[in-house]
Every structure is written in C-alpha cells, then in structure tokens.
C-alpha cells in the first residue's frame, strides 16, 4: 500500500522499496503557489497563482518560493516518519545509490549511518556492513521470521451441484462526458468517439499539417486502427472545408495558443479558452463544443474571453463557438 494509506496501521514486517522521493518541490510538475508581486508596477494586482520554479528565489516572489520549499521539505520528512514507524518487528529499507548524494529522503537515512569497515552504527545500535553486488547492506539485528505453524489439513467434503442459476449482468461502464457530450445525458465516453478524437487532434495543433501529424501519431501508438485514422482524416477534411476553419489552421498567425490559462487580477478562477490566434492587434478566440446543452452560457463565456483579450490590447477581437460534431460555427463576438 502507499505510505499515506498506512497511517495509523502497524505490521509485523514492513518493506520500503523506494526510499528516494525528493525533499524539494518538483519544478517539472510545476506546482502553483499564490504569490504577490512587491513592486510599484504590480501594485494593486493582489495575489495571483504563480508556477513554482527555482528562478523565483531571486525574484519578487522569493518569500513564496522559500515558504513552499520549507513546507514541502517538512511534508516529505513527515511522510518518511510515517513510513519508518509502521513496523513492529522487521523494517527493510531500499535506498537507490544515486539517492545518497541527492536531496532525497534516502540521503537523510543514509547520512545517519556511520560505517567503519564491516561494522556500522545507527543511533547507538551496532550492526554489520556487508558489500554486495547491488550495493551495501546494513543490518541491525537479525530477522528471525515467524515460527512455522503445524496444523492439520481441514477435512473437506464434496458437494455436487446438479444445476445453478446464471444471469446476464446488467452493468454498464459510464464515464464523465462533460466536455465532449453536452447534449445527450446518456452518452458514453467511448474511446473511439469522434468528438474525443477530433478534440485530441486539435488540442495541440497550430496548422492543418500538425492535425494530420497528430492523427498519424495516434495511429502509430495503436490508439487508432488504419480505418479509424482514415475516417478521422475525412472528418478533419470536412471541417476544413469552411473558409474560417482553413484560416484558423492555415499557419498565418503570429501566435497560436491552445488551452492557455488567462490569469485575472483579484480573481482566483483561471480562464482557459480552447484556441486563441493573434496577428498584430487582431485576436480570434475559438471554443470547441460537441453539443448544444447550454449555448447561452457558452456565449457569455466567449464574450468574457473577448473582453480579456481587448484588455490585453487586441482591439480587433472575434469569438466563435465551433460545434464540431454538428459542423456549424456560431460567431458570438
């Protein structure tokens, strides 16, 4: 089980196979901290989310950086404490060799062991130190193991069933469909559904060539069969017959932002339009929809995106709702 699930539990023997999780926050996962810039230019912005990275230490967000660093170190040390205090009789810890010289919890454990030849000591306990092919083995005490219990095999009888009832299970797997099926309440989010695949092809693509490349990658990864990939290319081709869609994916933009977050001062909610394209002072925002459950809410949302873009200096702003499955485009702004 995980260390978190082991809280409050005890076991005769505990094996900790990977005592090597890092003490510091992982910048590659880009945790978000709430920061407040302390400059005259940023005065009045209030607190807003900032992605954690080491460069914050030398910026106006240094206080938030070191606070997150300290809290994360404490959390990981507390997690190590939980892991090391679950055993009643035997505790086996595996520390990767590379963790010894890095900022991992394993380096804390290894740093507490003093080795001298074939002997070692840990907090007053004397033990043995044995080199092995995979590394070094430190032993404190000896694992005896439980005494074998000798019990007689239970006497069992035999029961012959002449017949037994069976029934077809009335179970169906239903997954959330909030983004792709906004019209039918009973739709299932099947992995081959056209809406999901179209959105996956569009989500990181700036041009038509990149859309086709995404479809080819899905086929190469066995997410699509050859026939399914061909059908998806046909669907993309039909969508690109609209001259507005051809312009969106034509590659003539200064910048294309797919699902980028917009941070609004003094508001904890992030806005994330599906696609924003900019050229000069013109900006076009597009939201993909796969039904018509609440079109008025979608229009209000798109108008808000457009207002935010105008506030960024894009005075020529357009906004569209693209109902991909239905093959229709609605201009809202």
C-alpha atoms as a PDB file:
ATOM      1  CA  UNK A   1       0.000   0.000   0.000  1.00  0.00           C
ATOM      2  CA  UNK A   2       1.048   3.636  -0.198  1.00  0.00           C
ATOM      3  CA  UNK A   3       2.676   5.355   2.755  1.00  0.00           C
ATOM      4  CA  UNK A   4      -0.324   7.694   3.052  1.00  0.00           C
ATOM      5  CA  UNK A   5      -2.741   4.767   3.376  1.00  0.00           C
ATOM      6  CA  UNK A   6      -0.509   3.150   6.024  1.00  0.00           C
ATOM      7  CA  UNK A   7      -1.062   5.989   8.518  1.00  0.00           C
ATOM      8  CA  UNK A   8      -2.309   4.598  11.828  1.00  0.00           C
ATOM      9  CA  UNK A   9      -1.581   0.986  10.850  1.00  0.00           C
ATOM     10  CA  UNK A  10       1.050  -1.441  12.155  1.00  0.00           C
ATOM     11  CA  UNK A  11       2.531  -4.581  10.577  1.00  0.00           C
ATOM     12  CA  UNK A  12       4.940  -7.236  11.785  1.00  0.00           C
ATOM     13  CA  UNK A  13       7.232  -6.601   8.809  1.00  0.00           C
ATOM     14  CA  UNK A  14       7.425  -3.556   6.520  1.00  0.00           C
ATOM     15  CA  UNK A  15       9.361  -3.243   3.244  1.00  0.00           C
ATOM     16  CA  UNK A  16      10.037   0.258   1.903  1.00  0.00           C
ATOM     17  CA  UNK A  17      11.237  -0.450  -1.669  1.00  0.00           C
ATOM     18  CA  UNK A  18      11.851   3.109  -2.872  1.00  0.00           C
ATOM     19  CA  UNK A  19      13.092   5.351  -0.084  1.00  0.00           C
ATOM     20  CA  UNK A  20      14.109   8.036  -2.551  1.00  0.00           C
ATOM     21  CA  UNK A  21      11.358  10.601  -3.013  1.00  0.00           C
ATOM     22  CA  UNK A  22      12.736  14.177  -3.226  1.00  0.00           C
ATOM     23  CA  UNK A  23      12.572  16.615  -0.344  1.00  0.00           C
ATOM     24  CA  UNK A  24      12.095  19.726  -2.512  1.00  0.00           C
ATOM     25  CA  UNK A  25       9.130  20.516  -4.768  1.00  0.00           C
ATOM     26  CA  UNK A  26       9.457  19.065  -8.259  1.00  0.00           C
ATOM     27  CA  UNK A  27       9.675  22.016 -10.724  1.00  0.00           C
ATOM     28  CA  UNK A  28       8.904  19.678 -13.647  1.00  0.00           C
ATOM     29  CA  UNK A  29       5.403  19.210 -12.210  1.00  0.00           C
ATOM     30  CA  UNK A  30       5.086  22.998 -11.934  1.00  0.00           C
ATOM     31  CA  UNK A  31       3.190  23.302  -8.647  1.00  0.00           C
ATOM     32  CA  UNK A  32       1.262  26.540  -8.284  1.00  0.00           C
ATOM     33  CA  UNK A  33       1.740  28.916  -5.342  1.00  0.00           C
ATOM     34  CA  UNK A  34      -0.194  32.081  -4.599  1.00  0.00           C
ATOM     35  CA  UNK A  35       2.183  34.996  -4.901  1.00  0.00           C
ATOM     36  CA  UNK A  36       2.061  38.743  -4.541  1.00  0.00           C
ATOM     37  CA  UNK A  37       4.490  40.919  -6.513  1.00  0.00           C
ATOM     38  CA  UNK A  38       6.048  43.615  -4.349  1.00  0.00           C
ATOM     39  CA  UNK A  39       6.801  46.263  -6.959  1.00  0.00           C
ATOM     40  CA  UNK A  40       5.209  49.577  -7.806  1.00  0.00           C
ATOM     41  CA  UNK A  41       4.330  48.347 -11.302  1.00  0.00           C
ATOM     42  CA  UNK A  42       2.385  45.397  -9.866  1.00  0.00           C
ATOM     43  CA  UNK A  43       0.762  47.338  -7.043  1.00  0.00           C
ATOM     44  CA  UNK A  44      -2.951  46.625  -6.866  1.00  0.00           C
ATOM     45  CA  UNK A  45      -2.847  43.255  -8.622  1.00  0.00           C
ATOM     46  CA  UNK A  46      -3.291  41.394  -5.351  1.00  0.00           C
ATOM     47  CA  UNK A  47      -2.475  37.715  -5.013  1.00  0.00           C
ATOM     48  CA  UNK A  48      -2.460  35.500  -8.087  1.00  0.00           C
ATOM     49  CA  UNK A  49      -1.216  31.983  -8.996  1.00  0.00           C
ATOM     50  CA  UNK A  50       2.454  31.606  -9.957  1.00  0.00           C
ATOM     51  CA  UNK A  51       4.071  28.401 -11.211  1.00  0.00           C
ATOM     52  CA  UNK A  52       6.820  27.325  -8.843  1.00  0.00           C
ATOM     53  CA  UNK A  53      10.365  27.281 -10.231  1.00  0.00           C
ATOM     54  CA  UNK A  54      13.842  27.908  -8.885  1.00  0.00           C
ATOM     55  CA  UNK A  55      14.102  31.321 -10.547  1.00  0.00           C
ATOM     56  CA  UNK A  56      11.553  32.627  -8.015  1.00  0.00           C
ATOM     57  CA  UNK A  57      14.293  32.606  -5.358  1.00  0.00           C
ATOM     58  CA  UNK A  58      15.916  35.685  -6.952  1.00  0.00           C
ATOM     59  CA  UNK A  59      12.670  37.458  -7.807  1.00  0.00           C
ATOM     60  CA  UNK A  60       9.991  39.453  -6.027  1.00  0.00           C
ATOM     61  CA  UNK A  61       8.357  36.107  -5.196  1.00  0.00           C
ATOM     62  CA  UNK A  62      11.279  34.862  -3.088  1.00  0.00           C
ATOM     63  CA  UNK A  63       9.180  34.747   0.121  1.00  0.00           C
ATOM     64  CA  UNK A  64       6.610  32.486  -1.528  1.00  0.00           C
ATOM     65  CA  UNK A  65       9.396  30.341  -3.013  1.00  0.00           C
ATOM     66  CA  UNK A  66      11.115  29.658   0.307  1.00  0.00           C
ATOM     67  CA  UNK A  67       7.810  29.147   2.112  1.00  0.00           C
ATOM     68  CA  UNK A  68       6.822  26.462  -0.407  1.00  0.00           C
ATOM     69  CA  UNK A  69      10.316  24.943  -0.171  1.00  0.00           C
ATOM     70  CA  UNK A  70      10.201  24.676   3.626  1.00  0.00           C
ATOM     71  CA  UNK A  71       6.638  23.353   3.761  1.00  0.00           C
ATOM     72  CA  UNK A  72       7.379  20.706   1.126  1.00  0.00           C
ATOM     73  CA  UNK A  73      10.524  19.576   2.986  1.00  0.00           C
ATOM     74  CA  UNK A  74       8.531  19.247   6.205  1.00  0.00           C
ATOM     75  CA  UNK A  75       5.756  17.309   4.443  1.00  0.00           C
ATOM     76  CA  UNK A  76       8.228  14.844   2.912  1.00  0.00           C
ATOM     77  CA  UNK A  77      10.072  14.340   6.211  1.00  0.00           C
ATOM     78  CA  UNK A  78       6.719  13.681   7.922  1.00  0.00           C
ATOM     79  CA  UNK A  79       5.960  11.141   5.201  1.00  0.00           C
ATOM     80  CA  UNK A  80       9.299   9.452   5.887  1.00  0.00           C
ATOM     81  CA  UNK A  81       8.454   9.355   9.609  1.00  0.00           C
ATOM     82  CA  UNK A  82       5.182   7.576   8.850  1.00  0.00           C
ATOM     83  CA  UNK A  83       6.961   5.041   6.622  1.00  0.00           C
ATOM     84  CA  UNK A  84       9.633   4.241   9.232  1.00  0.00           C
ATOM     85  CA  UNK A  85       7.249   3.806  12.181  1.00  0.00           C
ATOM     86  CA  UNK A  86       4.809   1.215  10.813  1.00  0.00           C
ATOM     87  CA  UNK A  87       6.929  -1.893  11.548  1.00  0.00           C
ATOM     88  CA  UNK A  88       6.631  -3.922  14.755  1.00  0.00           C
ATOM     89  CA  UNK A  89       9.418  -6.487  14.220  1.00  0.00           C
ATOM     90  CA  UNK A  90      11.203  -6.004  10.870  1.00  0.00           C
ATOM     91  CA  UNK A  91      11.888  -2.953   8.710  1.00  0.00           C
ATOM     92  CA  UNK A  92      13.615  -3.306   5.316  1.00  0.00           C
ATOM     93  CA  UNK A  93      14.616  -0.089   3.516  1.00  0.00           C
ATOM     94  CA  UNK A  94      15.968   0.133  -0.047  1.00  0.00           C
ATOM     95  CA  UNK A  95      17.830   3.337  -0.911  1.00  0.00           C
ATOM     96  CA  UNK A  96      18.975   3.731  -4.549  1.00  0.00           C
ATOM     97  CA  UNK A  97      22.672   4.517  -4.822  1.00  0.00           C
ATOM     98  CA  UNK A  98      22.022   7.757  -6.688  1.00  0.00           C
ATOM     99  CA  UNK A  99      19.750   8.974  -3.865  1.00  0.00           C
ATOM    100  CA  UNK A 100      22.617   9.055  -1.379  1.00  0.00           C
ATOM    101  CA  UNK A 101      24.193  12.146  -2.893  1.00  0.00           C
ATOM    102  CA  UNK A 102      20.989  13.937  -3.824  1.00  0.00           C
ATOM    103  CA  UNK A 103      18.344  15.843  -1.907  1.00  0.00           C
ATOM    104  CA  UNK A 104      16.142  12.806  -1.244  1.00  0.00           C
ATOM    105  CA  UNK A 105      14.736  11.305   1.944  1.00  0.00           C
ATOM    106  CA  UNK A 106      17.031   8.322   1.368  1.00  0.00           C
ATOM    107  CA  UNK A 107      20.056  10.585   1.771  1.00  0.00           C
ATOM    108  CA  UNK A 108      18.760  11.557   5.242  1.00  0.00           C
ATOM    109  CA  UNK A 109      18.580   7.906   6.290  1.00  0.00           C
ATOM    110  CA  UNK A 110      21.957   7.027   4.779  1.00  0.00           C
ATOM    111  CA  UNK A 111      23.558  10.059   6.416  1.00  0.00           C
ATOM    112  CA  UNK A 112      22.583   8.763   9.881  1.00  0.00           C
ATOM    113  CA  UNK A 113      24.574   5.522   9.447  1.00  0.00           C
ATOM    114  CA  UNK A 114      28.249   5.580  10.464  1.00  0.00           C
ATOM    115  CA  UNK A 115      30.229   2.746   8.833  1.00  0.00           C
ATOM    116  CA  UNK A 116      33.696   1.545   9.898  1.00  0.00           C
ATOM    117  CA  UNK A 117      34.913  -1.457   7.922  1.00  0.00           C
ATOM    118  CA  UNK A 118      32.489  -4.296   8.493  1.00  0.00           C
ATOM    119  CA  UNK A 119      30.746  -2.573  11.402  1.00  0.00           C
ATOM    120  CA  UNK A 120      28.188   0.220  11.400  1.00  0.00           C
ATOM    121  CA  UNK A 121      26.233   2.232  13.939  1.00  0.00           C
ATOM    122  CA  UNK A 122      22.856   3.944  13.894  1.00  0.00           C
ATOM    123  CA  UNK A 123      21.712   5.972  16.905  1.00  0.00           C
ATOM    124  CA  UNK A 124      23.598   3.727  19.362  1.00  0.00           C
ATOM    125  CA  UNK A 125      22.660   0.446  17.649  1.00  0.00           C
ATOM    126  CA  UNK A 126      25.574  -1.651  16.440  1.00  0.00           C
ATOM    127  CA  UNK A 127      25.225  -3.514  13.169  1.00  0.00           C
ATOM    128  CA  UNK A 128      27.010  -5.184  10.285  1.00  0.00           C
ATOM    129  CA  UNK A 129      28.056  -3.639   6.985  1.00  0.00           C
ATOM    130  CA  UNK A 130      28.326  -6.046   4.046  1.00  0.00           C
ATOM    131  CA  UNK A 131      29.295  -5.058   0.466  1.00  0.00           C
ATOM    132  CA  UNK A 132      27.122  -6.721  -2.171  1.00  0.00           C
ATOM    133  CA  UNK A 133      26.943  -6.683  -5.967  1.00  0.00           C
ATOM    134  CA  UNK A 134      23.994  -4.295  -5.980  1.00  0.00           C
ATOM    135  CA  UNK A 135      25.310  -2.038  -3.213  1.00  0.00           C
ATOM    136  CA  UNK A 136      25.980  -2.077   0.515  1.00  0.00           C
ATOM    137  CA  UNK A 137      23.806  -3.927   3.050  1.00  0.00           C
ATOM    138  CA  UNK A 138      23.476  -2.522   6.583  1.00  0.00           C
ATOM    139  CA  UNK A 139      21.941  -4.899   9.134  1.00  0.00           C
ATOM    140  CA  UNK A 140      20.841  -4.019  12.655  1.00  0.00           C
ATOM    141  CA  UNK A 141      19.567  -7.059  14.487  1.00  0.00           C
ATOM    142  CA  UNK A 142      18.565 -10.270  12.762  1.00  0.00           C
ATOM    143  CA  UNK A 143      15.292 -11.174  11.106  1.00  0.00           C
ATOM    144  CA  UNK A 144      14.210 -14.471  12.650  1.00  0.00           C
ATOM    145  CA  UNK A 145      10.856 -14.787  10.933  1.00  0.00           C
ATOM    146  CA  UNK A 146       7.782 -16.395  12.481  1.00  0.00           C
ATOM    147  CA  UNK A 147       7.905 -19.969  13.735  1.00  0.00           C
ATOM    148  CA  UNK A 148       6.156 -22.322  11.320  1.00  0.00           C
ATOM    149  CA  UNK A 149       2.748 -23.391  12.462  1.00  0.00           C
ATOM    150  CA  UNK A 150       1.797 -27.013  12.032  1.00  0.00           C
ATOM    151  CA  UNK A 151      -1.864 -27.522  11.542  1.00  0.00           C
ATOM    152  CA  UNK A 152      -3.804 -30.449  10.278  1.00  0.00           C
ATOM    153  CA  UNK A 153      -5.384 -30.079   6.898  1.00  0.00           C
ATOM    154  CA  UNK A 154      -9.096 -29.425   7.289  1.00  0.00           C
ATOM    155  CA  UNK A 155     -11.392 -32.227   6.386  1.00  0.00           C
ATOM    156  CA  UNK A 156     -13.472 -31.195   3.424  1.00  0.00           C
ATOM    157  CA  UNK A 157     -16.430 -32.819   1.851  1.00  0.00           C
ATOM    158  CA  UNK A 158     -17.677 -32.708  -1.705  1.00  0.00           C
ATOM    159  CA  UNK A 159     -20.907 -31.206  -2.901  1.00  0.00           C
ATOM    160  CA  UNK A 160     -22.262 -31.989  -6.335  1.00  0.00           C
ATOM    161  CA  UNK A 161     -24.359 -29.233  -7.920  1.00  0.00           C
ATOM    162  CA  UNK A 162     -26.857 -30.607 -10.387  1.00  0.00           C
ATOM    163  CA  UNK A 163     -27.643 -27.131 -11.683  1.00  0.00           C
ATOM    164  CA  UNK A 164     -27.156 -23.477 -10.755  1.00  0.00           C
ATOM    165  CA  UNK A 165     -28.750 -20.223 -11.866  1.00  0.00           C
ATOM    166  CA  UNK A 166     -26.961 -17.724 -14.095  1.00  0.00           C
ATOM    167  CA  UNK A 167     -27.910 -14.255 -15.264  1.00  0.00           C
ATOM    168  CA  UNK A 168     -26.542 -11.640 -17.616  1.00  0.00           C
ATOM    169  CA  UNK A 169     -25.023  -8.779 -15.579  1.00  0.00           C
ATOM    170  CA  UNK A 170     -26.905  -5.528 -16.023  1.00  0.00           C
ATOM    171  CA  UNK A 171     -23.797  -3.422 -15.549  1.00  0.00           C
ATOM    172  CA  UNK A 172     -22.596  -0.633 -17.833  1.00  0.00           C
ATOM    173  CA  UNK A 173     -19.454   1.396 -17.504  1.00  0.00           C
ATOM    174  CA  UNK A 174     -20.224   5.071 -17.662  1.00  0.00           C
ATOM    175  CA  UNK A 175     -17.540   7.742 -17.705  1.00  0.00           C
ATOM    176  CA  UNK A 176     -17.896  11.527 -17.356  1.00  0.00           C
ATOM    177  CA  UNK A 177     -18.664  13.274 -20.611  1.00  0.00           C
ATOM    178  CA  UNK A 178     -18.839  16.904 -19.582  1.00  0.00           C
ATOM    179  CA  UNK A 179     -16.707  18.279 -22.393  1.00  0.00           C
ATOM    180  CA  UNK A 180     -17.484  16.059 -25.320  1.00  0.00           C
ATOM    181  CA  UNK A 181     -21.138  15.160 -24.919  1.00  0.00           C
ATOM    182  CA  UNK A 182     -23.015  18.227 -23.820  1.00  0.00           C
ATOM    183  CA  UNK A 183     -26.292  17.299 -25.433  1.00  0.00           C
ATOM    184  CA  UNK A 184     -27.286  13.690 -24.659  1.00  0.00           C
ATOM    185  CA  UNK A 185     -27.427  12.779 -20.980  1.00  0.00           C
ATOM    186  CA  UNK A 186     -26.968   9.059 -21.625  1.00  0.00           C
ATOM    187  CA  UNK A 187     -23.966   9.221 -23.936  1.00  0.00           C
ATOM    188  CA  UNK A 188     -20.975   7.084 -23.099  1.00  0.00           C
ATOM    189  CA  UNK A 189     -17.466   8.437 -23.465  1.00  0.00           C
ATOM    190  CA  UNK A 190     -16.247   5.647 -25.739  1.00  0.00           C
ATOM    191  CA  UNK A 191     -12.526   5.794 -26.595  1.00  0.00           C
ATOM    192  CA  UNK A 192     -13.241   5.780 -30.330  1.00  0.00           C
ATOM    193  CA  UNK A 193     -15.852   8.523 -30.216  1.00  0.00           C
ATOM    194  CA  UNK A 194     -15.387  11.025 -32.980  1.00  0.00           C
ATOM    195  CA  UNK A 195     -15.705  14.034 -30.662  1.00  0.00           C
ATOM    196  CA  UNK A 196     -12.878  12.933 -28.383  1.00  0.00           C
ATOM    197  CA  UNK A 197     -10.579  12.099 -31.263  1.00  0.00           C
ATOM    198  CA  UNK A 198     -11.239  15.390 -33.049  1.00  0.00           C
ATOM    199  CA  UNK A 199     -10.529  17.338 -29.884  1.00  0.00           C
ATOM    200  CA  UNK A 200      -7.330  15.359 -29.290  1.00  0.00           C
ATOM    201  CA  UNK A 201      -6.205  16.092 -32.840  1.00  0.00           C
ATOM    202  CA  UNK A 202      -6.943  19.829 -32.477  1.00  0.00           C
ATOM    203  CA  UNK A 203      -5.750  20.444 -28.914  1.00  0.00           C
ATOM    204  CA  UNK A 204      -2.013  20.896 -29.627  1.00  0.00           C
ATOM    205  CA  UNK A 205      -2.093  21.684 -33.342  1.00  0.00           C
ATOM    206  CA  UNK A 206      -1.392  25.101 -34.824  1.00  0.00           C
ATOM    207  CA  UNK A 207      -1.762  24.113 -38.506  1.00  0.00           C
ATOM    208  CA  UNK A 208      -3.532  21.557 -40.670  1.00  0.00           C
ATOM    209  CA  UNK A 209      -0.262  19.646 -41.088  1.00  0.00           C
ATOM    210  CA  UNK A 210       0.069  19.329 -37.318  1.00  0.00           C
ATOM    211  CA  UNK A 211      -3.505  17.993 -37.081  1.00  0.00           C
ATOM    212  CA  UNK A 212      -2.695  15.274 -39.590  1.00  0.00           C
ATOM    213  CA  UNK A 213       0.562  14.614 -37.768  1.00  0.00           C
ATOM    214  CA  UNK A 214      -1.358  14.127 -34.506  1.00  0.00           C
ATOM    215  CA  UNK A 215      -3.656  11.613 -36.220  1.00  0.00           C
ATOM    216  CA  UNK A 216      -0.624   9.765 -37.572  1.00  0.00           C
ATOM    217  CA  UNK A 217       0.903   9.680 -34.096  1.00  0.00           C
ATOM    218  CA  UNK A 218      -2.307   8.243 -32.614  1.00  0.00           C
ATOM    219  CA  UNK A 219      -2.259   5.550 -35.301  1.00  0.00           C
ATOM    220  CA  UNK A 220       1.421   4.797 -34.653  1.00  0.00           C
ATOM    221  CA  UNK A 221       0.680   4.466 -30.931  1.00  0.00           C
ATOM    222  CA  UNK A 222      -2.099   1.944 -31.698  1.00  0.00           C
ATOM    223  CA  UNK A 223      -4.781   4.324 -30.445  1.00  0.00           C
ATOM    224  CA  UNK A 224      -6.368   4.188 -33.898  1.00  0.00           C
ATOM    225  CA  UNK A 225      -6.612   1.473 -36.490  1.00  0.00           C
ATOM    226  CA  UNK A 226      -5.812   2.299 -40.104  1.00  0.00           C
ATOM    227  CA  UNK A 227      -9.525   2.513 -40.956  1.00  0.00           C
ATOM    228  CA  UNK A 228     -10.265   4.730 -37.944  1.00  0.00           C
ATOM    229  CA  UNK A 229      -7.388   7.055 -38.807  1.00  0.00           C
ATOM    230  CA  UNK A 230      -8.707   7.356 -42.363  1.00  0.00           C
ATOM    231  CA  UNK A 231     -12.203   8.145 -41.085  1.00  0.00           C
ATOM    232  CA  UNK A 232     -10.794  10.793 -38.737  1.00  0.00           C
ATOM    233  CA  UNK A 233      -8.823  12.392 -41.586  1.00  0.00           C
ATOM    234  CA  UNK A 234     -12.035  12.528 -43.632  1.00  0.00           C
ATOM    235  CA  UNK A 235     -13.805  14.257 -40.718  1.00  0.00           C
ATOM    236  CA  UNK A 236     -10.972  16.788 -40.430  1.00  0.00           C
ATOM    237  CA  UNK A 237     -11.108  17.373 -44.180  1.00  0.00           C
ATOM    238  CA  UNK A 238     -14.851  18.116 -43.999  1.00  0.00           C
ATOM    239  CA  UNK A 239     -14.293  20.511 -41.115  1.00  0.00           C
ATOM    240  CA  UNK A 240     -11.574  22.354 -43.050  1.00  0.00           C
ATOM    241  CA  UNK A 241     -13.927  22.970 -45.965  1.00  0.00           C
ATOM    242  CA  UNK A 242     -15.193  26.019 -44.080  1.00  0.00           C
ATOM    243  CA  UNK A 243     -13.068  29.021 -45.067  1.00  0.00           C
ATOM    244  CA  UNK A 244     -12.952  30.281 -41.461  1.00  0.00           C
ATOM    245  CA  UNK A 245     -11.545  26.973 -40.223  1.00  0.00           C
ATOM    246  CA  UNK A 246      -8.996  26.995 -43.054  1.00  0.00           C
ATOM    247  CA  UNK A 247      -7.847  30.406 -41.874  1.00  0.00           C
ATOM    248  CA  UNK A 248      -7.608  29.242 -38.250  1.00  0.00           C
ATOM    249  CA  UNK A 249      -5.349  26.343 -39.184  1.00  0.00           C
ATOM    250  CA  UNK A 250      -3.661  27.987 -42.159  1.00  0.00           C
ATOM    251  CA  UNK A 251      -0.459  28.928 -40.342  1.00  0.00           C
ATOM    252  CA  UNK A 252      -0.679  32.673 -40.996  1.00  0.00           C
ATOM    253  CA  UNK A 253      -0.788  33.777 -37.359  1.00  0.00           C
ATOM    254  CA  UNK A 254       1.861  35.440 -35.232  1.00  0.00           C
ATOM    255  CA  UNK A 255       0.988  33.128 -32.348  1.00  0.00           C
ATOM    256  CA  UNK A 256      -1.425  30.273 -31.610  1.00  0.00           C
ATOM    257  CA  UNK A 257      -2.321  29.440 -28.003  1.00  0.00           C
ATOM    258  CA  UNK A 258      -4.097  26.145 -27.335  1.00  0.00           C
ATOM    259  CA  UNK A 259      -5.762  25.835 -23.915  1.00  0.00           C
ATOM    260  CA  UNK A 260      -3.572  28.522 -22.357  1.00  0.00           C
ATOM    261  CA  UNK A 261      -4.612  29.868 -18.964  1.00  0.00           C
ATOM    262  CA  UNK A 262      -5.600  33.524 -18.546  1.00  0.00           C
ATOM    263  CA  UNK A 263      -4.940  34.907 -15.065  1.00  0.00           C
ATOM    264  CA  UNK A 264      -7.366  37.630 -13.977  1.00  0.00           C
ATOM    265  CA  UNK A 265      -6.195  40.002 -11.189  1.00  0.00           C
ATOM    266  CA  UNK A 266      -8.086  39.657  -7.889  1.00  0.00           C
ATOM    267  CA  UNK A 267      -9.894  36.556  -9.144  1.00  0.00           C
ATOM    268  CA  UNK A 268      -8.852  33.040  -8.132  1.00  0.00           C
ATOM    269  CA  UNK A 269     -10.510  31.410 -11.170  1.00  0.00           C
ATOM    270  CA  UNK A 270      -8.442  30.799 -14.300  1.00  0.00           C
ATOM    271  CA  UNK A 271      -9.914  31.198 -17.801  1.00  0.00           C
ATOM    272  CA  UNK A 272      -8.853  28.672 -20.418  1.00  0.00           C
ATOM    273  CA  UNK A 273     -10.173  29.150 -23.967  1.00  0.00           C
ATOM    274  CA  UNK A 274      -9.659  26.241 -26.357  1.00  0.00           C
ATOM    275  CA  UNK A 275      -7.803  28.237 -29.010  1.00  0.00           C
ATOM    276  CA  UNK A 276      -6.600  31.848 -29.336  1.00  0.00           C
ATOM    277  CA  UNK A 277      -4.907  33.113 -32.514  1.00  0.00           C
ATOM    278  CA  UNK A 278      -3.252  36.525 -32.765  1.00  0.00           C
ATOM    279  CA  UNK A 279      -1.817  38.589 -35.593  1.00  0.00           C
ATOM    280  CA  UNK A 280      -0.898  42.195 -34.957  1.00  0.00           C
ATOM    281  CA  UNK A 281      -3.749  43.698 -32.917  1.00  0.00           C
ATOM    282  CA  UNK A 282      -6.267  41.127 -34.130  1.00  0.00           C
ATOM    283  CA  UNK A 283      -7.230  38.180 -31.923  1.00  0.00           C
ATOM    284  CA  UNK A 284      -9.583  35.305 -32.699  1.00  0.00           C
ATOM    285  CA  UNK A 285     -10.801  33.033 -29.880  1.00  0.00           C
ATOM    286  CA  UNK A 286     -12.499  29.696 -30.618  1.00  0.00           C
ATOM    287  CA  UNK A 287     -14.158  27.286 -28.213  1.00  0.00           C
ATOM    288  CA  UNK A 288     -14.898  23.744 -29.401  1.00  0.00           C
ATOM    289  CA  UNK A 289     -18.311  22.356 -28.451  1.00  0.00           C
ATOM    290  CA  UNK A 290     -19.812  18.948 -29.063  1.00  0.00           C
ATOM    291  CA  UNK A 291     -23.490  19.629 -28.319  1.00  0.00           C
ATOM    292  CA  UNK A 292     -25.946  22.422 -27.532  1.00  0.00           C
ATOM    293  CA  UNK A 293     -26.818  21.846 -23.882  1.00  0.00           C
ATOM    294  CA  UNK A 294     -26.352  25.442 -22.678  1.00  0.00           C
ATOM    295  CA  UNK A 295     -25.456  27.675 -25.635  1.00  0.00           C
ATOM    296  CA  UNK A 296     -26.183  30.938 -23.797  1.00  0.00           C
ATOM    297  CA  UNK A 297     -23.659  30.084 -21.087  1.00  0.00           C
ATOM    298  CA  UNK A 298     -21.097  29.333 -23.798  1.00  0.00           C
ATOM    299  CA  UNK A 299     -21.768  32.736 -25.388  1.00  0.00           C
ATOM    300  CA  UNK A 300     -21.287  34.563 -22.077  1.00  0.00           C
ATOM    301  CA  UNK A 301     -18.043  32.680 -21.524  1.00  0.00           C
ATOM    302  CA  UNK A 302     -16.780  33.555 -25.006  1.00  0.00           C
ATOM    303  CA  UNK A 303     -17.690  37.237 -24.560  1.00  0.00           C
ATOM    304  CA  UNK A 304     -15.642  37.237 -21.350  1.00  0.00           C
ATOM    305  CA  UNK A 305     -12.650  35.789 -23.222  1.00  0.00           C
ATOM    306  CA  UNK A 306     -13.004  38.506 -25.854  1.00  0.00           C
ATOM    307  CA  UNK A 307     -13.167  41.256 -23.207  1.00  0.00           C
ATOM    308  CA  UNK A 308      -9.992  39.933 -21.584  1.00  0.00           C
ATOM    309  CA  UNK A 309      -8.195  39.929 -24.948  1.00  0.00           C
ATOM    310  CA  UNK A 310      -9.284  43.528 -25.589  1.00  0.00           C
ATOM    311  CA  UNK A 311      -7.820  44.419 -22.212  1.00  0.00           C
ATOM    312  CA  UNK A 312      -4.510  42.979 -23.459  1.00  0.00           C
ATOM    313  CA  UNK A 313      -4.503  45.417 -26.392  1.00  0.00           C
ATOM    314  CA  UNK A 314      -6.185  43.329 -29.122  1.00  0.00           C
ATOM    315  CA  UNK A 315      -8.829  45.834 -30.243  1.00  0.00           C
ATOM    316  CA  UNK A 316      -9.887  43.681 -33.247  1.00  0.00           C
ATOM    317  CA  UNK A 317     -11.286  40.691 -31.405  1.00  0.00           C
ATOM    318  CA  UNK A 318     -13.549  37.937 -32.733  1.00  0.00           C
ATOM    319  CA  UNK A 319     -15.083  34.997 -30.898  1.00  0.00           C
ATOM    320  CA  UNK A 320     -16.574  31.786 -32.312  1.00  0.00           C
ATOM    321  CA  UNK A 321     -18.330  28.708 -30.950  1.00  0.00           C
ATOM    322  CA  UNK A 322     -17.466  25.736 -33.147  1.00  0.00           C
ATOM    323  CA  UNK A 323     -19.936  22.845 -32.839  1.00  0.00           C
ATOM    324  CA  UNK A 324     -17.612  20.280 -34.395  1.00  0.00           C
ATOM    325  CA  UNK A 325     -19.949  17.272 -34.438  1.00  0.00           C
ATOM    326  CA  UNK A 326     -22.774  19.338 -35.929  1.00  0.00           C
ATOM    327  CA  UNK A 327     -20.497  21.032 -38.461  1.00  0.00           C
ATOM    328  CA  UNK A 328     -21.674  24.564 -37.560  1.00  0.00           C
ATOM    329  CA  UNK A 329     -19.842  27.709 -36.450  1.00  0.00           C
ATOM    330  CA  UNK A 330     -21.527  30.490 -34.494  1.00  0.00           C
ATOM    331  CA  UNK A 331     -19.938  33.926 -34.364  1.00  0.00           C
ATOM    332  CA  UNK A 332     -20.561  35.418 -30.937  1.00  0.00           C
ATOM    333  CA  UNK A 333     -18.308  38.479 -30.972  1.00  0.00           C
END
